[in-house]
Each structure stands twice: as C-alpha cells, then as structure tokens.
C-alpha cells in the first residue's frame, strides 16, 4: 500500500489519507491533522510531528520512538 501511495504522490495526485498507523502515515504524509472526539486538535507538517516525541505523546498517548 505504501508503494501505491508513494507512486500517486509522484504523479502529484492529492491524497486524503485517514490512517491510525502513525509509522505508515509518517512515511507518506506531508501534512497532518490529528483529531480527537471529532475535532482537529493539531495540524501541521508531518515532519515536525514525527520529530517531536513529546508532542506525539501529548496528542496520541504514544510516541513513534517507543513503538518501532
């Protein structure tokens, strides 16, 4: 699936991906919106969220670093 999404990105196709697998979303995502109880509680660059373990923990109750 990741390869298919990456190929679509190469063709400059806009993709809205709703994904709970943060590790996978990090690989393919450019921007991120984190929702809680139907409301967006964070939006920004995926790279910034992926680099900030404390923000991941605050928003999602986990960090990518501890779940690899």
PDB file of N, CA and C in Angstrom:
ATOM      1  N   UNK A   1       0.823  -1.193   0.000  1.00  0.00           N
ATOM      2  CA  UNK A   1       0.000   0.000   0.000  1.00  0.00           C
ATOM      3  C   UNK A   1       0.865   1.254   0.000  1.00  0.00           C
ATOM      4  N   UNK A   2       1.932   1.232   0.771  1.00  0.00           N
ATOM      5  CA  UNK A   2       2.804   2.401   0.819  1.00  0.00           C
ATOM      6  C   UNK A   2       3.353   2.715  -0.566  1.00  0.00           C
ATOM      7  N   UNK A   3       3.781   1.690  -1.271  1.00  0.00           N
ATOM      8  CA  UNK A   3       4.324   1.916  -2.618  1.00  0.00           C
ATOM      9  C   UNK A   3       3.298   2.562  -3.533  1.00  0.00           C
ATOM     10  N   UNK A   4       2.043   2.139  -3.446  1.00  0.00           N
ATOM     11  CA  UNK A   4       0.983   2.718  -4.284  1.00  0.00           C
ATOM     12  C   UNK A   4       0.769   4.191  -3.950  1.00  0.00           C
ATOM     13  N   UNK A   5       0.787   4.521  -2.678  1.00  0.00           N
ATOM     14  CA  UNK A   5       0.598   5.918  -2.273  1.00  0.00           C
ATOM     15  C   UNK A   5       1.784   6.765  -2.716  1.00  0.00           C
ATOM     16  N   UNK A   6       2.974   6.240  -2.548  1.00  0.00           N
ATOM     17  CA  UNK A   6       4.175   6.965  -2.988  1.00  0.00           C
ATOM     18  C   UNK A   6       4.122   7.207  -4.497  1.00  0.00           C
ATOM     19  N   UNK A   7       3.668   6.229  -5.259  1.00  0.00           N
ATOM     20  CA  UNK A   7       3.549   6.398  -6.710  1.00  0.00           C
ATOM     21  C   UNK A   7       2.520   7.468  -7.046  1.00  0.00           C
ATOM     22  N   UNK A   8       1.411   7.499  -6.355  1.00  0.00           N
ATOM     23  CA  UNK A   8       0.422   8.558  -6.580  1.00  0.00           C
ATOM     24  C   UNK A   8       1.011   9.933  -6.253  1.00  0.00           C
ATOM     25  N   UNK A   9       1.800  10.019  -5.186  1.00  0.00           N
ATOM     26  CA  UNK A   9       2.446  11.291  -4.840  1.00  0.00           C
ATOM     27  C   UNK A   9       3.384  11.744  -5.951  1.00  0.00           C
ATOM     28  N   UNK A  10       4.070  10.797  -6.583  1.00  0.00           N
ATOM     29  CA  UNK A  10       4.976  11.149  -7.686  1.00  0.00           C
ATOM     30  C   UNK A  10       4.226  11.798  -8.851  1.00  0.00           C
ATOM     31  N   UNK A  11       2.963  11.418  -9.019  1.00  0.00           N
ATOM     32  CA  UNK A  11       2.156  11.998 -10.096  1.00  0.00           C
ATOM     33  C   UNK A  11       1.463  13.284  -9.653  1.00  0.00           C
ATOM     34  N   UNK A  12       1.804  13.735  -8.455  1.00  0.00           N
ATOM     35  CA  UNK A  12       1.269  14.971  -7.883  1.00  0.00           C
ATOM     36  C   UNK A  12      -0.244  14.904  -7.662  1.00  0.00           C
ATOM     37  N   UNK A  13      -0.729  13.706  -7.374  1.00  0.00           N
ATOM     38  CA  UNK A  13      -2.132  13.493  -7.053  1.00  0.00           C
ATOM     39  C   UNK A  13      -2.352  13.847  -5.587  1.00  0.00           C
ATOM     40  N   UNK A  14      -3.403  14.612  -5.313  1.00  0.00           N
ATOM     41  CA  UNK A  14      -3.739  14.945  -3.934  1.00  0.00           C
ATOM     42  C   UNK A  14      -4.399  13.737  -3.288  1.00  0.00           C
ATOM     43  N   UNK A  15      -3.954  13.427  -2.081  1.00  0.00           N
ATOM     44  CA  UNK A  15      -4.457  12.254  -1.363  1.00  0.00           C
ATOM     45  C   UNK A  15      -4.897  12.683   0.032  1.00  0.00           C
ATOM     46  N   UNK A  16      -6.087  12.284   0.415  1.00  0.00           N
ATOM     47  CA  UNK A  16      -6.540  12.443   1.790  1.00  0.00           C
ATOM     48  C   UNK A  16      -6.504  11.049   2.405  1.00  0.00           C
ATOM     49  N   UNK A  17      -5.591  10.844   3.332  1.00  0.00           N
ATOM     50  CA  UNK A  17      -5.400   9.538   3.946  1.00  0.00           C
ATOM     51  C   UNK A  17      -5.853   9.625   5.397  1.00  0.00           C
ATOM     52  N   UNK A  18      -6.785   8.787   5.773  1.00  0.00           N
ATOM     53  CA  UNK A  18      -7.212   8.676   7.164  1.00  0.00           C
ATOM     54  C   UNK A  18      -6.581   7.395   7.681  1.00  0.00           C
ATOM     55  N   UNK A  19      -5.643   7.540   8.593  1.00  0.00           N
ATOM     56  CA  UNK A  19      -4.826   6.388   8.984  1.00  0.00           C
ATOM     57  C   UNK A  19      -4.513   6.434  10.467  1.00  0.00           C
ATOM     58  N   UNK A  20      -4.626   5.299  11.128  1.00  0.00           N
ATOM     59  CA  UNK A  20      -4.270   5.199  12.538  1.00  0.00           C
ATOM     60  C   UNK A  20      -2.850   4.690  12.737  1.00  0.00           C
ATOM     61  N   UNK A  21      -2.269   4.151  11.703  1.00  0.00           N
ATOM     62  CA  UNK A  21      -0.906   3.637  11.777  1.00  0.00           C
ATOM     63  C   UNK A  21       0.048   4.813  11.568  1.00  0.00           C
ATOM     64  N   UNK A  22       0.525   5.380  12.665  1.00  0.00           N
ATOM     65  CA  UNK A  22       1.348   6.585  12.593  1.00  0.00           C
ATOM     66  C   UNK A  22       2.645   6.345  11.833  1.00  0.00           C
ATOM     67  N   UNK A  23       3.243   5.169  12.020  1.00  0.00           N
ATOM     68  CA  UNK A  23       4.501   4.884  11.330  1.00  0.00           C
ATOM     69  C   UNK A  23       4.303   4.912   9.818  1.00  0.00           C
ATOM     70  N   UNK A  24       3.207   4.348   9.341  1.00  0.00           N
ATOM     71  CA  UNK A  24       2.923   4.351   7.911  1.00  0.00           C
ATOM     72  C   UNK A  24       2.587   5.762   7.428  1.00  0.00           C
ATOM     73  N   UNK A  25       1.764   6.465   8.169  1.00  0.00           N
ATOM     74  CA  UNK A  25       1.379   7.828   7.785  1.00  0.00           C
ATOM     75  C   UNK A  25       2.601   8.743   7.720  1.00  0.00           C
ATOM     76  N   UNK A  26       3.548   8.525   8.607  1.00  0.00           N
ATOM     77  CA  UNK A  26       4.767   9.335   8.612  1.00  0.00           C
ATOM     78  C   UNK A  26       5.550   9.168   7.312  1.00  0.00           C
ATOM     79  N   UNK A  27       5.570   7.967   6.786  1.00  0.00           N
ATOM     80  CA  UNK A  27       6.320   7.687   5.560  1.00  0.00           C
ATOM     81  C   UNK A  27       5.716   8.418   4.363  1.00  0.00           C
ATOM     82  N   UNK A  28       4.405   8.486   4.294  1.00  0.00           N
ATOM     83  CA  UNK A  28       3.755   9.029   3.088  1.00  0.00           C
ATOM     84  C   UNK A  28       3.194  10.433   3.262  1.00  0.00           C
ATOM     85  N   UNK A  29       3.047  10.892   4.495  1.00  0.00           N
ATOM     86  CA  UNK A  29       2.365  12.164   4.739  1.00  0.00           C
ATOM     87  C   UNK A  29       3.263  13.384   4.654  1.00  0.00           C
ATOM     88  N   UNK A  30       2.719  14.444   4.091  1.00  0.00           N
ATOM     89  CA  UNK A  30       3.401  15.738   4.081  1.00  0.00           C
ATOM     90  C   UNK A  30       2.848  16.633   5.187  1.00  0.00           C
ATOM     91  N   UNK A  31       1.544  16.614   5.333  1.00  0.00           N
ATOM     92  CA  UNK A  31       0.857  17.407   6.351  1.00  0.00           C
ATOM     93  C   UNK A  31       0.031  16.450   7.198  1.00  0.00           C
ATOM     94  N   UNK A  32      -0.305  16.888   8.408  1.00  0.00           N
ATOM     95  CA  UNK A  32      -1.052  16.031   9.324  1.00  0.00           C
ATOM     96  C   UNK A  32      -2.102  16.861  10.055  1.00  0.00           C
ATOM     97  N   UNK A  33      -3.228  16.233  10.306  1.00  0.00           N
ATOM     98  CA  UNK A  33      -4.249  16.793  11.190  1.00  0.00           C
ATOM     99  C   UNK A  33      -4.610  15.678  12.164  1.00  0.00           C
ATOM    100  N   UNK A  34      -4.501  15.953  13.445  1.00  0.00           N
ATOM    101  CA  UNK A  34      -4.830  14.978  14.479  1.00  0.00           C
ATOM    102  C   UNK A  34      -6.189  15.357  15.034  1.00  0.00           C
ATOM    103  N   UNK A  35      -7.090  14.367  15.051  1.00  0.00           N
ATOM    104  CA  UNK A  35      -8.441  14.611  15.547  1.00  0.00           C
ATOM    105  C   UNK A  35      -8.652  13.891  16.871  1.00  0.00           C
ATOM    106  N   UNK A  36      -9.438  14.509  17.734  1.00  0.00           N
ATOM    107  CA  UNK A  36      -9.853  13.904  18.987  1.00  0.00           C
ATOM    108  C   UNK A  36     -11.322  14.235  19.176  1.00  0.00           C
ATOM    109  N   UNK A  37     -12.122  13.211  19.329  1.00  0.00           N
ATOM    110  CA  UNK A  37     -13.557  13.383  19.546  1.00  0.00           C
ATOM    111  C   UNK A  37     -14.197  14.251  18.451  1.00  0.00           C
ATOM    112  N   UNK A  38     -13.750  14.023  17.201  1.00  0.00           N
ATOM    113  CA  UNK A  38     -14.338  14.715  16.058  1.00  0.00           C
ATOM    114  C   UNK A  38     -13.830  16.122  15.821  1.00  0.00           C
ATOM    115  N   UNK A  39     -12.872  16.569  16.607  1.00  0.00           N
ATOM    116  CA  UNK A  39     -12.326  17.925  16.437  1.00  0.00           C
ATOM    117  C   UNK A  39     -10.837  17.853  16.143  1.00  0.00           C
ATOM    118  N   UNK A  40     -10.374  18.731  15.270  1.00  0.00           N
ATOM    119  CA  UNK A  40      -8.940  18.813  14.981  1.00  0.00           C
ATOM    120  C   UNK A  40      -8.254  19.494  16.152  1.00  0.00           C
ATOM    121  N   UNK A  41      -7.309  18.777  16.759  1.00  0.00           N
ATOM    122  CA  UNK A  41      -6.587  19.308  17.914  1.00  0.00           C
ATOM    123  C   UNK A  41      -5.158  19.706  17.561  1.00  0.00           C
ATOM    124  N   UNK A  42      -4.726  19.318  16.355  1.00  0.00           N
ATOM    125  CA  UNK A  42      -3.389  19.702  15.892  1.00  0.00           C
ATOM    126  C   UNK A  42      -3.355  19.596  14.386  1.00  0.00           C
ATOM    127  N   UNK A  43      -2.685  20.542  13.756  1.00  0.00           N
ATOM    128  CA  UNK A  43      -2.397  20.430  12.323  1.00  0.00           C
ATOM    129  C   UNK A  43      -1.050  21.060  12.069  1.00  0.00           C
ATOM    130  N   UNK A  44      -0.352  20.481  11.096  1.00  0.00           N
ATOM    131  CA  UNK A  44       0.978  20.988  10.776  1.00  0.00           C
ATOM    132  C   UNK A  44       1.706  20.038   9.846  1.00  0.00           C
ATOM    133  N   UNK A  45       2.995  20.213   9.783  1.00  0.00           N
ATOM    134  CA  UNK A  45       3.830  19.372   8.928  1.00  0.00           C
ATOM    135  C   UNK A  45       4.054  18.018   9.588  1.00  0.00           C
ATOM    136  N   UNK A  46       3.955  16.961   8.805  1.00  0.00           N
ATOM    137  CA  UNK A  46       4.191  15.622   9.336  1.00  0.00           C
ATOM    138  C   UNK A  46       5.614  15.503   9.880  1.00  0.00           C
ATOM    139  N   UNK A  47       6.570  16.099   9.199  1.00  0.00           N
ATOM    140  CA  UNK A  47       7.962  16.018   9.646  1.00  0.00           C
ATOM    141  C   UNK A  47       8.120  16.607  11.049  1.00  0.00           C
ATOM    142  N   UNK A  48       7.417  17.695  11.335  1.00  0.00           N
ATOM    143  CA  UNK A  48       7.513  18.322  12.657  1.00  0.00           C
ATOM    144  C   UNK A  48       6.913  17.417  13.728  1.00  0.00           C
ATOM    145  N   UNK A  49       5.771  16.805  13.447  1.00  0.00           N
ATOM    146  CA  UNK A  49       5.160  15.895  14.414  1.00  0.00           C
ATOM    147  C   UNK A  49       6.026  14.653  14.595  1.00  0.00           C
ATOM    148  N   UNK A  50       6.552  14.121  13.509  1.00  0.00           N
ATOM    149  CA  UNK A  50       7.385  12.920  13.578  1.00  0.00           C
ATOM    150  C   UNK A  50       8.660  13.157  14.377  1.00  0.00           C
ATOM    151  N   UNK A  51       9.140  14.381  14.417  1.00  0.00           N
ATOM    152  CA  UNK A  51      10.385  14.709  15.116  1.00  0.00           C
ATOM    153  C   UNK A  51      10.176  15.059  16.594  1.00  0.00           C
ATOM    154  N   UNK A  52       8.934  15.164  17.043  1.00  0.00           N
ATOM    155  CA  UNK A  52       8.647  15.650  18.392  1.00  0.00           C
ATOM    156  C   UNK A  52       7.921  14.580  19.210  1.00  0.00           C
ATOM    157  N   UNK A  53       8.685  13.742  19.905  1.00  0.00           N
ATOM    158  CA  UNK A  53       8.111  12.644  20.687  1.00  0.00           C
ATOM    159  C   UNK A  53       7.180  13.148  21.786  1.00  0.00           C
ATOM    160  N   UNK A  54       7.492  14.282  22.396  1.00  0.00           N
ATOM    161  CA  UNK A  54       6.635  14.819  23.451  1.00  0.00           C
ATOM    162  C   UNK A  54       5.278  15.243  22.880  1.00  0.00           C
ATOM    163  N   UNK A  55       5.267  15.853  21.706  1.00  0.00           N
ATOM    164  CA  UNK A  55       4.015  16.245  21.061  1.00  0.00           C
ATOM    165  C   UNK A  55       3.208  15.012  20.665  1.00  0.00           C
ATOM    166  N   UNK A  56       3.877  13.989  20.153  1.00  0.00           N
ATOM    167  CA  UNK A  56       3.192  12.736  19.817  1.00  0.00           C
ATOM    168  C   UNK A  56       2.515  12.162  21.054  1.00  0.00           C
ATOM    169  N   UNK A  57       3.233  12.133  22.152  1.00  0.00           N
ATOM    170  CA  UNK A  57       2.689  11.588  23.392  1.00  0.00           C
ATOM    171  C   UNK A  57       1.499  12.405  23.876  1.00  0.00           C
ATOM    172  N   UNK A  58       1.616  13.721  23.792  1.00  0.00           N
ATOM    173  CA  UNK A  58       0.520  14.599  24.240  1.00  0.00           C
ATOM    174  C   UNK A  58      -0.719  14.419  23.379  1.00  0.00           C
ATOM    175  N   UNK A  59      -0.532  14.311  22.072  1.00  0.00           N
ATOM    176  CA  UNK A  59      -1.673  14.226  21.162  1.00  0.00           C
ATOM    177  C   UNK A  59      -2.263  12.829  21.048  1.00  0.00           C
ATOM    178  N   UNK A  60      -1.395  11.814  21.085  1.00  0.00           N
ATOM    179  CA  UNK A  60      -1.845  10.464  20.769  1.00  0.00           C
ATOM    180  C   UNK A  60      -1.613   9.458  21.888  1.00  0.00           C
ATOM    181  N   UNK A  61      -0.944   9.887  22.944  1.00  0.00           N
ATOM    182  CA  UNK A  61      -0.694   8.975  24.060  1.00  0.00           C
ATOM    183  C   UNK A  61       0.410   7.970  23.786  1.00  0.00           C
ATOM    184  N   UNK A  62       1.206   8.218  22.744  1.00  0.00           N
ATOM    185  CA  UNK A  62       2.317   7.343  22.404  1.00  0.00           C
ATOM    186  C   UNK A  62       3.294   8.130  21.577  1.00  0.00           C
ATOM    187  N   UNK A  63       4.479   7.579  21.435  1.00  0.00           N
ATOM    188  CA  UNK A  63       5.437   8.194  20.525  1.00  0.00           C
ATOM    189  C   UNK A  63       5.923   7.143  19.553  1.00  0.00           C
ATOM    190  N   UNK A  64       6.222   7.561  18.355  1.00  0.00           N
ATOM    191  CA  UNK A  64       6.722   6.669  17.321  1.00  0.00           C
ATOM    192  C   UNK A  64       7.989   5.985  17.803  1.00  0.00           C
ATOM    193  N   UNK A  65       8.810   6.712  18.521  1.00  0.00           N
ATOM    194  CA  UNK A  65      10.094   6.205  19.009  1.00  0.00           C
ATOM    195  C   UNK A  65       9.915   4.958  19.880  1.00  0.00           C
ATOM    196  N   UNK A  66       8.904   4.917  20.706  1.00  0.00           N
ATOM    197  CA  UNK A  66       8.710   3.790  21.610  1.00  0.00           C
ATOM    198  C   UNK A  66       7.932   2.639  20.983  1.00  0.00           C
ATOM    199  N   UNK A  67       7.403   2.837  19.767  1.00  0.00           N
ATOM    200  CA  UNK A  67       6.587   1.804  19.125  1.00  0.00           C
ATOM    201  C   UNK A  67       7.177   1.324  17.806  1.00  0.00           C
ATOM    202  N   UNK A  68       8.482   1.277  17.712  1.00  0.00           N
ATOM    203  CA  UNK A  68       9.100   0.780  16.478  1.00  0.00           C
ATOM    204  C   UNK A  68       9.526  -0.639  16.625  1.00  0.00           C
TER     205      UNK A  68
END
